[in-house]
C-alpha atoms as a PDB file:
ATOM      1  CA  MET A   1       0.000   0.000   0.000  1.00  0.00           C
ATOM      2  CA  SER A   2       1.363   3.383  -0.936  1.00  0.00           C
ATOM      3  CA  THR A   3       0.297   6.533   0.771  1.00  0.00           C
ATOM      4  CA  SER A   4       0.235   9.838  -0.986  1.00  0.00           C
ATOM      5  CA  SER A   5       0.993  13.282   0.274  1.00  0.00           C
ATOM      6  CA  LYS A   6      -1.741  15.800   1.088  1.00  0.00           C
ATOM      7  CA  ASP A   7      -1.593  17.181  -2.488  1.00  0.00           C
ATOM      8  CA  LYS A   8      -2.401  13.816  -4.023  1.00  0.00           C
ATOM      9  CA  ALA A   9      -6.027  12.825  -4.466  1.00  0.00           C
ATOM     10  CA  SER A  10      -6.008   9.130  -3.734  1.00  0.00           C
ATOM     11  CA  VAL A  11      -4.285   6.251  -2.067  1.00  0.00           C
ATOM     12  CA  SER A  12      -3.818   3.094  -4.127  1.00  0.00           C
ATOM     13  CA  THR A  13      -4.244  -0.358  -2.675  1.00  0.00           C
ATOM     14  CA  SER A  14      -4.069  -3.002  -5.367  1.00  0.00           C
ATOM     15  CA  SER A  15      -6.163  -1.140  -8.018  1.00  0.00           C
ATOM     16  CA  VAL A  16      -8.649   0.223  -5.445  1.00  0.00           C
ATOM     17  CA  GLU A  17      -8.503   3.970  -4.883  1.00  0.00           C
ATOM     18  CA  ALA A  18      -9.315   5.466  -1.529  1.00  0.00           C
ATOM     19  CA  TYR A  19      -9.989   9.200  -1.281  1.00  0.00           C
ATOM     20  CA  ASN A  20      -9.618  11.456   1.675  1.00  0.00           C
ATOM     21  CA  LYS A  21     -12.706  13.371   2.808  1.00  0.00           C
ATOM     22  CA  LYS A  22     -11.700  16.770   1.370  1.00  0.00           C
ATOM     23  CA  THR A  23     -10.748  15.393  -2.046  1.00  0.00           C
ATOM     24  CA  LEU A  24     -13.947  13.367  -2.222  1.00  0.00           C
ATOM     25  CA  GLY A  25     -15.989  16.444  -1.286  1.00  0.00           C
ATOM     26  CA  ASP A  26     -14.265  18.477  -4.010  1.00  0.00           C
ATOM     27  CA  LYS A  27     -14.894  15.765  -6.577  1.00  0.00           C
ATOM     28  CA  ILE A  28     -18.587  15.518  -5.575  1.00  0.00           C
ATOM     29  CA  TYR A  29     -18.873  19.315  -5.848  1.00  0.00           C
ATOM     30  CA  ARG A  30     -17.341  19.322  -9.360  1.00  0.00           C
ATOM     31  CA  LEU A  31     -19.605  16.497 -10.507  1.00  0.00           C
ATOM     32  CA  THR A  32     -22.673  18.198  -9.015  1.00  0.00           C
ATOM     33  CA  THR A  33     -21.767  21.441 -10.777  1.00  0.00           C
ATOM     34  CA  ALA A  34     -21.259  19.604 -14.075  1.00  0.00           C
ATOM     35  CA  ASN A  35     -24.559  17.745 -13.591  1.00  0.00           C
ATOM     36  CA  THR A  36     -26.388  21.018 -12.874  1.00  0.00           C
ATOM     37  CA  GLN A  37     -24.935  22.567 -16.044  1.00  0.00           C
ATOM     38  CA  LEU A  38     -25.915  19.505 -18.078  1.00  0.00           C
ATOM     39  CA  MET A  39     -29.477  19.669 -16.757  1.00  0.00           C
ATOM     40  CA  ALA A  40     -29.687  23.387 -17.609  1.00  0.00           C
ATOM     41  CA  ASP A  41     -28.366  22.668 -21.111  1.00  0.00           C
ATOM     42  CA  LYS A  42     -30.870  19.833 -21.501  1.00  0.00           C
ATOM     43  CA  MET A  43     -33.755  22.108 -20.495  1.00  0.00           C
ATOM     44  CA  GLU A  44     -32.552  24.815 -22.902  1.00  0.00           C
ATOM     45  CA  THR A  45     -32.258  22.264 -25.697  1.00  0.00           C
ATOM     46  CA  GLU A  46     -35.776  21.007 -25.004  1.00  0.00           C
ATOM     47  CA  LYS A  47     -37.141  24.567 -25.026  1.00  0.00           C
ATOM     48  CA  THR A  48     -35.384  25.228 -28.353  1.00  0.00           C
ATOM     49  CA  ARG A  49     -36.772  21.980 -29.789  1.00  0.00           C
ATOM     50  CA  VAL A  50     -40.315  22.954 -28.794  1.00  0.00           C
ATOM     51  CA  ASN A  51     -39.855  26.421 -30.340  1.00  0.00           C
ATOM     52  CA  LEU A  52     -38.528  24.879 -33.550  1.00  0.00           C
ATOM     53  CA  GLU A  53     -41.472  22.498 -33.702  1.00  0.00           C
ATOM     54  CA  THR A  54     -43.876  25.435 -33.257  1.00  0.00           C
ATOM     55  CA  ASP A  55     -42.099  27.423 -35.981  1.00  0.00           C
ATOM     56  CA  LYS A  56     -42.163  24.396 -38.271  1.00  0.00           C
ATOM     57  CA  THR A  57     -45.916  24.011 -37.813  1.00  0.00           C
ATOM     58  CA  ARG A  58     -46.494  27.734 -38.426  1.00  0.00           C
ATOM     59  CA  LEU A  59     -44.315  27.726 -41.554  1.00  0.00           C
ATOM     60  CA  PHE A  60     -46.117  24.678 -42.946  1.00  0.00           C
ATOM     61  CA  GLY A  61     -49.407  26.521 -42.440  1.00  0.00           C
ATOM     62  CA  GLU A  62     -48.046  29.579 -44.279  1.00  0.00           C
ATOM     63  CA  LYS A  63     -46.697  27.367 -47.053  1.00  0.00           C
ATOM     64  CA  ASN A  64     -50.041  25.653 -47.477  1.00  0.00           C
ATOM     65  CA  SER A  65     -51.863  28.982 -47.699  1.00  0.00           C
ATOM     66  CA  LEU A  66     -49.341  30.203 -50.284  1.00  0.00           C
ATOM     67  CA  VAL A  67     -49.791  27.038 -52.321  1.00  0.00           C
ATOM     68  CA  VAL A  68     -53.561  27.587 -52.317  1.00  0.00           C
ATOM     69  CA  LYS A  69     -53.067  31.231 -53.321  1.00  0.00           C
ATOM     70  CA  LYS A  70     -50.698  30.176 -56.117  1.00  0.00           C
ATOM     71  CA  LYS A  71     -53.303  27.743 -57.462  1.00  0.00           C
ATOM     72  CA  GLU A  72     -55.973  30.466 -57.353  1.00  0.00           C
ATOM     73  CA  LEU A  73     -53.733  32.895 -59.230  1.00  0.00           C
ATOM     74  CA  ARG A  74     -52.885  30.278 -61.840  1.00  0.00           C
ATOM     75  CA  THR A  75     -56.594  29.661 -62.305  1.00  0.00           C
ATOM     76  CA  LYS A  76     -57.195  33.400 -62.776  1.00  0.00           C
ATOM     77  CA  ILE A  77     -54.324  33.681 -65.253  1.00  0.00           C
ATOM     78  CA  ALA A  78     -55.613  30.685 -67.196  1.00  0.00           C
ATOM     79  CA  ALA A  79     -59.076  32.276 -67.289  1.00  0.00           C
ATOM     80  CA  LEU A  80     -57.601  35.557 -68.522  1.00  0.00           C
ATOM     81  CA  ASN A  81     -55.559  33.777 -71.174  1.00  0.00           C
ATOM     82  CA  ALA A  82     -58.692  31.960 -72.300  1.00  0.00           C
ATOM     83  CA  ILE A  83     -60.460  35.264 -73.006  1.00  0.00           C
ATOM     84  CA  ASN A  84     -57.261  36.784 -74.536  1.00  0.00           C
ATOM     85  CA  VAL A  85     -56.652  39.477 -71.929  1.00  0.00           C
ATOM     86  CA  PRO A  86     -52.909  40.096 -71.566  1.00  0.00           C
ATOM     87  CA  VAL A  87     -51.721  39.130 -68.125  1.00  0.00           C
ATOM     88  CA  TYR A  88     -49.528  42.229 -67.845  1.00  0.00           C
ATOM     89  CA  SER A  89     -52.530  44.548 -67.885  1.00  0.00           C
ATOM     90  CA  TYR A  90     -54.016  42.491 -65.045  1.00  0.00           C
ATOM     91  CA  GLN A  91     -50.967  43.051 -62.819  1.00  0.00           C
ATOM     92  CA  ASP A  92     -50.833  45.629 -60.093  1.00  0.00           C
ATOM     93  CA  PRO A  93     -49.964  49.024 -61.625  1.00  0.00           C
ATOM     94  CA  LEU A  94     -47.596  49.739 -58.747  1.00  0.00           C
ATOM     95  CA  LEU A  95     -45.320  46.918 -59.867  1.00  0.00           C
ATOM     96  CA  ARG A  96     -44.585  48.399 -63.297  1.00  0.00           C
ATOM     97  CA  PRO A  97     -42.390  51.367 -62.150  1.00  0.00           C
ATOM     98  CA  ILE A  98     -40.314  49.077 -59.971  1.00  0.00           C
ATOM     99  CA  ARG A  99     -39.715  46.758 -62.888  1.00  0.00           C
ATOM    100  CA  ASP A 100     -38.756  49.709 -65.099  1.00  0.00           C
ATOM    101  CA  LYS A 101     -36.183  50.863 -62.541  1.00  0.00           C
ATOM    102  CA  LEU A 102     -34.446  47.520 -62.735  1.00  0.00           C
ATOM    103  CA  LYS A 103     -34.030  47.655 -66.515  1.00  0.00           C
ATOM    104  CA  ALA A 104     -30.590  48.682 -67.681  1.00  0.00           C
ATOM    105  CA  LYS A 105     -30.434  52.116 -69.290  1.00  0.00           C
ATOM    106  CA  ARG A 106     -28.653  51.802 -72.631  1.00  0.00           C
ATOM    107  CA  LEU A 107     -27.964  54.623 -74.982  1.00  0.00           C
ATOM    108  CA  PRO A 108     -28.859  54.131 -78.644  1.00  0.00           C
ATOM    109  CA  PRO A 109     -25.814  52.924 -80.602  1.00  0.00           C
ATOM    110  CA  PHE A 110     -25.784  55.931 -82.991  1.00  0.00           C
ATOM    111  CA  ASP A 111     -25.590  58.715 -80.378  1.00  0.00           C
ATOM    112  CA  ASP A 112     -21.818  59.075 -80.814  1.00  0.00           C
ATOM    113  CA  LEU A 113     -22.179  59.416 -84.588  1.00  0.00           C
ATOM    114  CA  LYS A 114     -24.724  62.223 -84.204  1.00  0.00           C
ATOM    115  CA  LYS A 115     -22.409  64.132 -81.872  1.00  0.00           C
ATOM    116  CA  ASN A 116     -19.405  63.749 -84.212  1.00  0.00           C
ATOM    117  CA  LEU A 117     -21.278  64.942 -87.316  1.00  0.00           C
END
């Protein structure tokens, strides 16, 4: 049997470790602290999982309503095409200026020739 100094944590007796009271108390404290942190992390993970599940359900509901709206709009467009009304005239008039802003402004190719002559 070998005894250790006060700084050492255990005493070995043929592969069995014996701890002094202070070292054992410190080890229990560290394990309790780690266990408390793990439980807090587990609760936080569970809360996040529940929030994600709620968001998933909400997003599926939004997706389903958008799919229904898409089908309705396709039906309207098909009806308008059937009576030969251009779809562009059916669009919201507020969308047209935005689309025009995005077009690239190109000068006519003969502007330089006019200036030179």
